């Protein structure tokens, strides 16, 4: 099972990523070991996640979400935007 997730980071920035273990990956981000962006802009909370069928599906969905505007991402987080729109 793979996940696509969105984190809130310092300065209210949003970070989108994928993982096969959401709890472990969140802990890595919180400890500053999750990646360059989340090391620089400290993670405050997990805002959103969805389950994907495979790593490839998760990677494609991550790319799609990363291409969206902040406003569209916020709608997804609030449940105002469908998962596959």
PDB file of N, CA and C in Angstrom:
ATOM      1  N   UNK A   1       0.844  -1.177   0.000  1.00  0.00           N
ATOM      2  CA  UNK A   1       0.000   0.000   0.000  1.00  0.00           C
ATOM      3  C   UNK A   1       0.890   1.241   0.000  1.00  0.00           C
ATOM      4  N   UNK A   2       0.530   2.218  -0.828  1.00  0.00           N
ATOM      5  CA  UNK A   2       1.275   3.462  -0.930  1.00  0.00           C
ATOM      6  C   UNK A   2       0.359   4.638  -0.623  1.00  0.00           C
ATOM      7  N   UNK A   3       0.962   5.704  -0.143  1.00  0.00           N
ATOM      8  CA  UNK A   3       0.225   6.901   0.240  1.00  0.00           C
ATOM      9  C   UNK A   3       0.786   8.126  -0.464  1.00  0.00           C
ATOM     10  N   UNK A   4      -0.093   9.047  -0.785  1.00  0.00           N
ATOM     11  CA  UNK A   4       0.277  10.407  -1.168  1.00  0.00           C
ATOM     12  C   UNK A   4      -0.153  11.265   0.010  1.00  0.00           C
ATOM     13  N   UNK A   5       0.702  12.188   0.414  1.00  0.00           N
ATOM     14  CA  UNK A   5       0.380  12.991   1.585  1.00  0.00           C
ATOM     15  C   UNK A   5       0.770  14.446   1.372  1.00  0.00           C
ATOM     16  N   UNK A   6       0.122  15.313   2.143  1.00  0.00           N
ATOM     17  CA  UNK A   6       0.445  16.745   2.142  1.00  0.00           C
ATOM     18  C   UNK A   6       0.711  17.154   3.589  1.00  0.00           C
ATOM     19  N   UNK A   7       1.852  17.797   3.785  1.00  0.00           N
ATOM     20  CA  UNK A   7       2.243  18.296   5.096  1.00  0.00           C
ATOM     21  C   UNK A   7       2.190  19.820   5.113  1.00  0.00           C
ATOM     22  N   UNK A   8       1.902  20.368   6.280  1.00  0.00           N
ATOM     23  CA  UNK A   8       2.056  21.803   6.480  1.00  0.00           C
ATOM     24  C   UNK A   8       3.418  22.020   7.110  1.00  0.00           C
ATOM     25  N   UNK A   9       4.177  22.933   6.524  1.00  0.00           N
ATOM     26  CA  UNK A   9       5.528  23.209   7.001  1.00  0.00           C
ATOM     27  C   UNK A   9       5.639  24.670   7.404  1.00  0.00           C
ATOM     28  N   UNK A  10       6.833  25.059   7.847  1.00  0.00           N
ATOM     29  CA  UNK A  10       7.079  26.425   8.264  1.00  0.00           C
ATOM     30  C   UNK A  10       6.634  27.438   7.224  1.00  0.00           C
ATOM     31  N   UNK A  11       6.133  28.570   7.708  1.00  0.00           N
ATOM     32  CA  UNK A  11       5.637  29.599   6.803  1.00  0.00           C
ATOM     33  C   UNK A  11       4.353  29.205   6.115  1.00  0.00           C
ATOM     34  N   UNK A  12       3.678  28.205   6.652  1.00  0.00           N
ATOM     35  CA  UNK A  12       2.423  27.677   6.090  1.00  0.00           C
ATOM     36  C   UNK A  12       2.611  27.090   4.690  1.00  0.00           C
ATOM     37  N   UNK A  13       3.844  26.720   4.353  1.00  0.00           N
ATOM     38  CA  UNK A  13       4.101  26.086   3.062  1.00  0.00           C
ATOM     39  C   UNK A  13       3.555  24.659   3.072  1.00  0.00           C
ATOM     40  N   UNK A  14       3.285  24.129   1.885  1.00  0.00           N
ATOM     41  CA  UNK A  14       2.759  22.782   1.744  1.00  0.00           C
ATOM     42  C   UNK A  14       3.797  21.905   1.064  1.00  0.00           C
ATOM     43  N   UNK A  15       3.926  20.686   1.557  1.00  0.00           N
ATOM     44  CA  UNK A  15       4.851  19.711   0.988  1.00  0.00           C
ATOM     45  C   UNK A  15       4.052  18.472   0.620  1.00  0.00           C
ATOM     46  N   UNK A  16       4.205  17.993  -0.598  1.00  0.00           N
ATOM     47  CA  UNK A  16       3.521  16.788  -1.058  1.00  0.00           C
ATOM     48  C   UNK A  16       4.546  15.695  -1.316  1.00  0.00           C
ATOM     49  N   UNK A  17       4.270  14.492  -0.822  1.00  0.00           N
ATOM     50  CA  UNK A  17       5.188  13.381  -1.010  1.00  0.00           C
ATOM     51  C   UNK A  17       4.459  12.057  -1.074  1.00  0.00           C
ATOM     52  N   UNK A  18       5.235  10.972  -1.230  1.00  0.00           N
ATOM     53  CA  UNK A  18       4.681   9.617  -1.239  1.00  0.00           C
ATOM     54  C   UNK A  18       5.486   8.742  -0.293  1.00  0.00           C
ATOM     55  N   UNK A  19       4.863   7.676   0.163  1.00  0.00           N
ATOM     56  CA  UNK A  19       5.536   6.721   1.047  1.00  0.00           C
ATOM     57  C   UNK A  19       4.744   5.424   1.092  1.00  0.00           C
ATOM     58  N   UNK A  20       5.413   4.370   1.557  1.00  0.00           N
ATOM     59  CA  UNK A  20       4.703   3.115   1.810  1.00  0.00           C
ATOM     60  C   UNK A  20       4.463   2.916   3.305  1.00  0.00           C
ATOM     61  N   UNK A  21       4.931   3.881   4.120  1.00  0.00           N
ATOM     62  CA  UNK A  21       4.725   3.823   5.566  1.00  0.00           C
ATOM     63  C   UNK A  21       4.540   5.255   6.064  1.00  0.00           C
ATOM     64  N   UNK A  22       3.302   5.676   6.177  1.00  0.00           N
ATOM     65  CA  UNK A  22       2.973   7.059   6.497  1.00  0.00           C
ATOM     66  C   UNK A  22       3.492   7.484   7.869  1.00  0.00           C
ATOM     67  N   UNK A  23       3.320   6.647   8.859  1.00  0.00           N
ATOM     68  CA  UNK A  23       3.760   6.991  10.209  1.00  0.00           C
ATOM     69  C   UNK A  23       5.282   7.175  10.282  1.00  0.00           C
ATOM     70  N   UNK A  24       6.010   6.225   9.698  1.00  0.00           N
ATOM     71  CA  UNK A  24       7.479   6.314   9.694  1.00  0.00           C
ATOM     72  C   UNK A  24       7.952   7.560   8.957  1.00  0.00           C
ATOM     73  N   UNK A  25       7.364   7.815   7.789  1.00  0.00           N
ATOM     74  CA  UNK A  25       7.797   8.950   6.967  1.00  0.00           C
ATOM     75  C   UNK A  25       7.501  10.264   7.659  1.00  0.00           C
ATOM     76  N   UNK A  26       6.357  10.376   8.320  1.00  0.00           N
ATOM     77  CA  UNK A  26       6.035  11.603   9.058  1.00  0.00           C
ATOM     78  C   UNK A  26       7.060  11.836  10.168  1.00  0.00           C
ATOM     79  N   UNK A  27       7.414  10.782  10.876  1.00  0.00           N
ATOM     80  CA  UNK A  27       8.436  10.904  11.931  1.00  0.00           C
ATOM     81  C   UNK A  27       9.777  11.342  11.356  1.00  0.00           C
ATOM     82  N   UNK A  28      10.135  10.818  10.192  1.00  0.00           N
ATOM     83  CA  UNK A  28      11.380  11.232   9.537  1.00  0.00           C
ATOM     84  C   UNK A  28      11.341  12.723   9.204  1.00  0.00           C
ATOM     85  N   UNK A  29      10.231  13.173   8.654  1.00  0.00           N
ATOM     86  CA  UNK A  29      10.097  14.599   8.336  1.00  0.00           C
ATOM     87  C   UNK A  29      10.170  15.448   9.606  1.00  0.00           C
ATOM     88  N   UNK A  30       9.471  15.037  10.649  1.00  0.00           N
ATOM     89  CA  UNK A  30       9.465  15.797  11.902  1.00  0.00           C
ATOM     90  C   UNK A  30      10.863  15.891  12.514  1.00  0.00           C
ATOM     91  N   UNK A  31      11.656  14.850  12.345  1.00  0.00           N
ATOM     92  CA  UNK A  31      13.000  14.836  12.934  1.00  0.00           C
ATOM     93  C   UNK A  31      14.028  15.561  12.059  1.00  0.00           C
ATOM     94  N   UNK A  32      13.598  16.044  10.888  1.00  0.00           N
ATOM     95  CA  UNK A  32      14.511  16.753   9.996  1.00  0.00           C
ATOM     96  C   UNK A  32      15.271  15.849   9.049  1.00  0.00           C
ATOM     97  N   UNK A  33      14.922  14.561   9.013  1.00  0.00           N
ATOM     98  CA  UNK A  33      15.620  13.593   8.167  1.00  0.00           C
ATOM     99  C   UNK A  33      14.787  13.170   6.953  1.00  0.00           C
ATOM    100  N   UNK A  34      13.684  13.850   6.718  1.00  0.00           N
ATOM    101  CA  UNK A  34      12.775  13.438   5.654  1.00  0.00           C
ATOM    102  C   UNK A  34      13.080  13.988   4.289  1.00  0.00           C
ATOM    103  N   UNK A  35      13.912  14.988   4.211  1.00  0.00           N
ATOM    104  CA  UNK A  35      14.237  15.598   2.927  1.00  0.00           C
ATOM    105  C   UNK A  35      14.693  17.024   3.120  1.00  0.00           C
ATOM    106  N   UNK A  36      15.288  17.564   2.092  1.00  0.00           N
ATOM    107  CA  UNK A  36      15.864  18.912   2.175  1.00  0.00           C
ATOM    108  C   UNK A  36      14.808  19.976   2.491  1.00  0.00           C
ATOM    109  N   UNK A  37      13.666  19.917   1.803  1.00  0.00           N
ATOM    110  CA  UNK A  37      12.627  20.924   2.010  1.00  0.00           C
ATOM    111  C   UNK A  37      12.106  20.887   3.441  1.00  0.00           C
ATOM    112  N   UNK A  38      11.762  19.689   3.918  1.00  0.00           N
ATOM    113  CA  UNK A  38      11.185  19.594   5.265  1.00  0.00           C
ATOM    114  C   UNK A  38      12.243  19.756   6.353  1.00  0.00           C
ATOM    115  N   UNK A  39      13.496  19.632   5.994  1.00  0.00           N
ATOM    116  CA  UNK A  39      14.567  19.944   6.949  1.00  0.00           C
ATOM    117  C   UNK A  39      14.665  21.462   7.118  1.00  0.00           C
ATOM    118  N   UNK A  40      14.512  22.180   6.010  1.00  0.00           N
ATOM    119  CA  UNK A  40      14.596  23.646   6.030  1.00  0.00           C
ATOM    120  C   UNK A  40      13.326  24.277   6.574  1.00  0.00           C
ATOM    121  N   UNK A  41      12.180  23.812   6.080  1.00  0.00           N
ATOM    122  CA  UNK A  41      10.888  24.336   6.502  1.00  0.00           C
ATOM    123  C   UNK A  41      10.231  23.297   7.403  1.00  0.00           C
ATOM    124  N   UNK A  42      10.442  23.418   8.683  1.00  0.00           N
ATOM    125  CA  UNK A  42      10.032  22.399   9.651  1.00  0.00           C
ATOM    126  C   UNK A  42       8.561  22.004   9.514  1.00  0.00           C
ATOM    127  N   UNK A  43       8.315  20.726   9.621  1.00  0.00           N
ATOM    128  CA  UNK A  43       6.971  20.158   9.496  1.00  0.00           C
ATOM    129  C   UNK A  43       6.161  20.449  10.751  1.00  0.00           C
ATOM    130  N   UNK A  44       4.926  20.918  10.551  1.00  0.00           N
ATOM    131  CA  UNK A  44       4.062  21.137  11.702  1.00  0.00           C
ATOM    132  C   UNK A  44       2.987  20.059  11.818  1.00  0.00           C
ATOM    133  N   UNK A  45       2.372  19.675  10.684  1.00  0.00           N
ATOM    134  CA  UNK A  45       1.346  18.626  10.785  1.00  0.00           C
ATOM    135  C   UNK A  45       1.039  17.994   9.439  1.00  0.00           C
ATOM    136  N   UNK A  46       0.452  16.814   9.528  1.00  0.00           N
ATOM    137  CA  UNK A  46      -0.064  16.101   8.367  1.00  0.00           C
ATOM    138  C   UNK A  46      -1.455  16.656   8.093  1.00  0.00           C
ATOM    139  N   UNK A  47      -1.647  17.183   6.889  1.00  0.00           N
ATOM    140  CA  UNK A  47      -2.933  17.777   6.537  1.00  0.00           C
ATOM    141  C   UNK A  47      -3.836  16.837   5.761  1.00  0.00           C
ATOM    142  N   UNK A  48      -3.226  15.940   4.981  1.00  0.00           N
ATOM    143  CA  UNK A  48      -4.026  15.126   4.062  1.00  0.00           C
ATOM    144  C   UNK A  48      -3.231  13.902   3.631  1.00  0.00           C
ATOM    145  N   UNK A  49      -3.944  12.823   3.395  1.00  0.00           N
ATOM    146  CA  UNK A  49      -3.328  11.667   2.733  1.00  0.00           C
ATOM    147  C   UNK A  49      -4.398  10.878   2.005  1.00  0.00           C
ATOM    148  N   UNK A  50      -3.968  10.142   1.015  1.00  0.00           N
ATOM    149  CA  UNK A  50      -4.856   9.211   0.327  1.00  0.00           C
ATOM    150  C   UNK A  50      -4.068   7.956  -0.013  1.00  0.00           C
ATOM    151  N   UNK A  51      -4.775   6.860  -0.111  1.00  0.00           N
ATOM    152  CA  UNK A  51      -4.165   5.568  -0.397  1.00  0.00           C
ATOM    153  C   UNK A  51      -4.160   5.344  -1.902  1.00  0.00           C
ATOM    154  N   UNK A  52      -3.041   4.842  -2.393  1.00  0.00           N
ATOM    155  CA  UNK A  52      -2.895   4.505  -3.812  1.00  0.00           C
ATOM    156  C   UNK A  52      -2.589   3.019  -3.926  1.00  0.00           C
ATOM    157  N   UNK A  53      -2.931   2.444  -5.061  1.00  0.00           N
ATOM    158  CA  UNK A  53      -2.772   1.012  -5.259  1.00  0.00           C
ATOM    159  C   UNK A  53      -1.343   0.536  -5.444  1.00  0.00           C
ATOM    160  N   UNK A  54      -0.474   1.420  -5.937  1.00  0.00           N
ATOM    161  CA  UNK A  54       0.907   1.023  -6.201  1.00  0.00           C
ATOM    162  C   UNK A  54       1.817   2.242  -6.094  1.00  0.00           C
ATOM    163  N   UNK A  55       3.113   1.990  -6.119  1.00  0.00           N
ATOM    164  CA  UNK A  55       4.082   3.081  -6.075  1.00  0.00           C
ATOM    165  C   UNK A  55       3.934   3.965  -7.315  1.00  0.00           C
ATOM    166  N   UNK A  56       3.715   3.358  -8.442  1.00  0.00           N
ATOM    167  CA  UNK A  56       3.555   4.124  -9.688  1.00  0.00           C
ATOM    168  C   UNK A  56       2.311   5.012  -9.611  1.00  0.00           C
ATOM    169  N   UNK A  57       1.204   4.467  -9.092  1.00  0.00           N
ATOM    170  CA  UNK A  57      -0.017   5.273  -8.933  1.00  0.00           C
ATOM    171  C   UNK A  57       0.235   6.445  -7.986  1.00  0.00           C
ATOM    172  N   UNK A  58       0.942   6.181  -6.898  1.00  0.00           N
ATOM    173  CA  UNK A  58       1.249   7.233  -5.922  1.00  0.00           C
ATOM    174  C   UNK A  58       2.134   8.305  -6.550  1.00  0.00           C
ATOM    175  N   UNK A  59       3.123   7.883  -7.308  1.00  0.00           N
ATOM    176  CA  UNK A  59       4.036   8.819  -7.961  1.00  0.00           C
ATOM    177  C   UNK A  59       3.282   9.707  -8.951  1.00  0.00           C
ATOM    178  N   UNK A  60       2.371   9.123  -9.721  1.00  0.00           N
ATOM    179  CA  UNK A  60       1.580   9.896 -10.684  1.00  0.00           C
ATOM    180  C   UNK A  60       0.667  10.892  -9.976  1.00  0.00           C
ATOM    181  N   UNK A  61       0.041  10.432  -8.904  1.00  0.00           N
ATOM    182  CA  UNK A  61      -0.856  11.315  -8.153  1.00  0.00           C
ATOM    183  C   UNK A  61      -0.077  12.446  -7.494  1.00  0.00           C
ATOM    184  N   UNK A  62       1.095  12.136  -6.958  1.00  0.00           N
ATOM    185  CA  UNK A  62       1.947  13.165  -6.363  1.00  0.00           C
ATOM    186  C   UNK A  62       2.282  14.231  -7.408  1.00  0.00           C
ATOM    187  N   UNK A  63       2.669  13.815  -8.593  1.00  0.00           N
ATOM    188  CA  UNK A  63       3.013  14.754  -9.663  1.00  0.00           C
ATOM    189  C   UNK A  63       1.808  15.619 -10.025  1.00  0.00           C
ATOM    190  N   UNK A  64       0.636  15.001 -10.073  1.00  0.00           N
ATOM    191  CA  UNK A  64      -0.575  15.754 -10.384  1.00  0.00           C
ATOM    192  C   UNK A  64      -0.824  16.827  -9.329  1.00  0.00           C
ATOM    193  N   UNK A  65      -0.782  16.439  -8.071  1.00  0.00           N
ATOM    194  CA  UNK A  65      -1.053  17.383  -6.978  1.00  0.00           C
ATOM    195  C   UNK A  65      -0.002  18.481  -6.933  1.00  0.00           C
ATOM    196  N   UNK A  66       1.255  18.129  -7.132  1.00  0.00           N
ATOM    197  CA  UNK A  66       2.319  19.134  -7.121  1.00  0.00           C
ATOM    198  C   UNK A  66       2.125  20.183  -8.213  1.00  0.00           C
ATOM    199  N   UNK A  67       1.434  19.830  -9.284  1.00  0.00           N
ATOM    200  CA  UNK A  67       1.169  20.764 -10.365  1.00  0.00           C
ATOM    201  C   UNK A  67       0.010  21.707 -10.100  1.00  0.00           C
ATOM    202  N   UNK A  68      -0.713  21.479  -9.034  1.00  0.00           N
ATOM    203  CA  UNK A  68      -1.881  22.287  -8.710  1.00  0.00           C
ATOM    204  C   UNK A  68      -1.493  23.578  -7.996  1.00  0.00           C
ATOM    205  N   UNK A  69      -2.399  24.532  -8.040  1.00  0.00           N
ATOM    206  CA  UNK A  69      -2.234  25.762  -7.270  1.00  0.00           C
ATOM    207  C   UNK A  69      -2.456  25.456  -5.788  1.00  0.00           C
ATOM    208  N   UNK A  70      -1.992  26.353  -4.959  1.00  0.00           N
ATOM    209  CA  UNK A  70      -2.210  26.200  -3.518  1.00  0.00           C
ATOM    210  C   UNK A  70      -3.709  26.137  -3.213  1.00  0.00           C
ATOM    211  N   UNK A  71      -4.484  26.978  -3.873  1.00  0.00           N
ATOM    212  CA  UNK A  71      -5.930  27.015  -3.638  1.00  0.00           C
ATOM    213  C   UNK A  71      -6.581  25.663  -3.922  1.00  0.00           C
ATOM    214  N   UNK A  72      -6.175  25.032  -5.007  1.00  0.00           N
ATOM    215  CA  UNK A  72      -6.731  23.724  -5.356  1.00  0.00           C
ATOM    216  C   UNK A  72      -6.305  22.663  -4.347  1.00  0.00           C
ATOM    217  N   UNK A  73      -5.059  22.726  -3.887  1.00  0.00           N
ATOM    218  CA  UNK A  73      -4.583  21.795  -2.855  1.00  0.00           C
ATOM    219  C   UNK A  73      -5.379  21.980  -1.571  1.00  0.00           C
ATOM    220  N   UNK A  74      -5.656  23.226  -1.212  1.00  0.00           N
ATOM    221  CA  UNK A  74      -6.433  23.494   0.001  1.00  0.00           C
ATOM    222  C   UNK A  74      -7.846  22.934  -0.117  1.00  0.00           C
ATOM    223  N   UNK A  75      -8.426  23.003  -1.310  1.00  0.00           N
ATOM    224  CA  UNK A  75      -9.754  22.415  -1.516  1.00  0.00           C
ATOM    225  C   UNK A  75      -9.702  20.900  -1.349  1.00  0.00           C
ATOM    226  N   UNK A  76      -8.652  20.270  -1.851  1.00  0.00           N
ATOM    227  CA  UNK A  76      -8.486  18.822  -1.684  1.00  0.00           C
ATOM    228  C   UNK A  76      -8.393  18.481  -0.201  1.00  0.00           C
ATOM    229  N   UNK A  77      -7.597  19.227   0.522  1.00  0.00           N
ATOM    230  CA  UNK A  77      -7.406  18.999   1.958  1.00  0.00           C
ATOM    231  C   UNK A  77      -8.734  19.124   2.708  1.00  0.00           C
ATOM    232  N   UNK A  78      -9.550  20.100   2.326  1.00  0.00           N
ATOM    233  CA  UNK A  78     -10.833  20.340   2.982  1.00  0.00           C
ATOM    234  C   UNK A  78     -11.937  19.387   2.513  1.00  0.00           C
ATOM    235  N   UNK A  79     -11.625  18.551   1.515  1.00  0.00           N
ATOM    236  CA  UNK A  79     -12.628  17.626   0.988  1.00  0.00           C
ATOM    237  C   UNK A  79     -13.566  18.263  -0.015  1.00  0.00           C
ATOM    238  N   UNK A  80     -13.188  19.430  -0.530  1.00  0.00           N
ATOM    239  CA  UNK A  80     -14.031  20.141  -1.489  1.00  0.00           C
ATOM    240  C   UNK A  80     -13.637  19.831  -2.937  1.00  0.00           C
ATOM    241  N   UNK A  81     -12.664  18.964  -3.115  1.00  0.00           N
ATOM    242  CA  UNK A  81     -12.191  18.598  -4.463  1.00  0.00           C
ATOM    243  C   UNK A  81     -12.094  17.080  -4.511  1.00  0.00           C
ATOM    244  N   UNK A  82     -12.658  16.478  -5.525  1.00  0.00           N
ATOM    245  CA  UNK A  82     -12.655  15.028  -5.632  1.00  0.00           C
ATOM    246  C   UNK A  82     -11.258  14.458  -5.777  1.00  0.00           C
ATOM    247  N   UNK A  83     -11.074  13.247  -5.348  1.00  0.00           N
ATOM    248  CA  UNK A  83      -9.783  12.594  -5.380  1.00  0.00           C
ATOM    249  C   UNK A  83      -9.213  12.432  -6.776  1.00  0.00           C
ATOM    250  N   UNK A  84     -10.027  12.284  -7.774  1.00  0.00           N
ATOM    251  CA  UNK A  84      -9.519  12.014  -9.115  1.00  0.00           C
ATOM    252  C   UNK A  84      -9.941  13.081 -10.120  1.00  0.00           C
ATOM    253  N   UNK A  85     -10.139  14.291  -9.678  1.00  0.00           N
ATOM    254  CA  UNK A  85     -10.505  15.372 -10.602  1.00  0.00           C
ATOM    255  C   UNK A  85      -9.282  16.000 -11.192  1.00  0.00           C
TER     256      UNK A  85
END
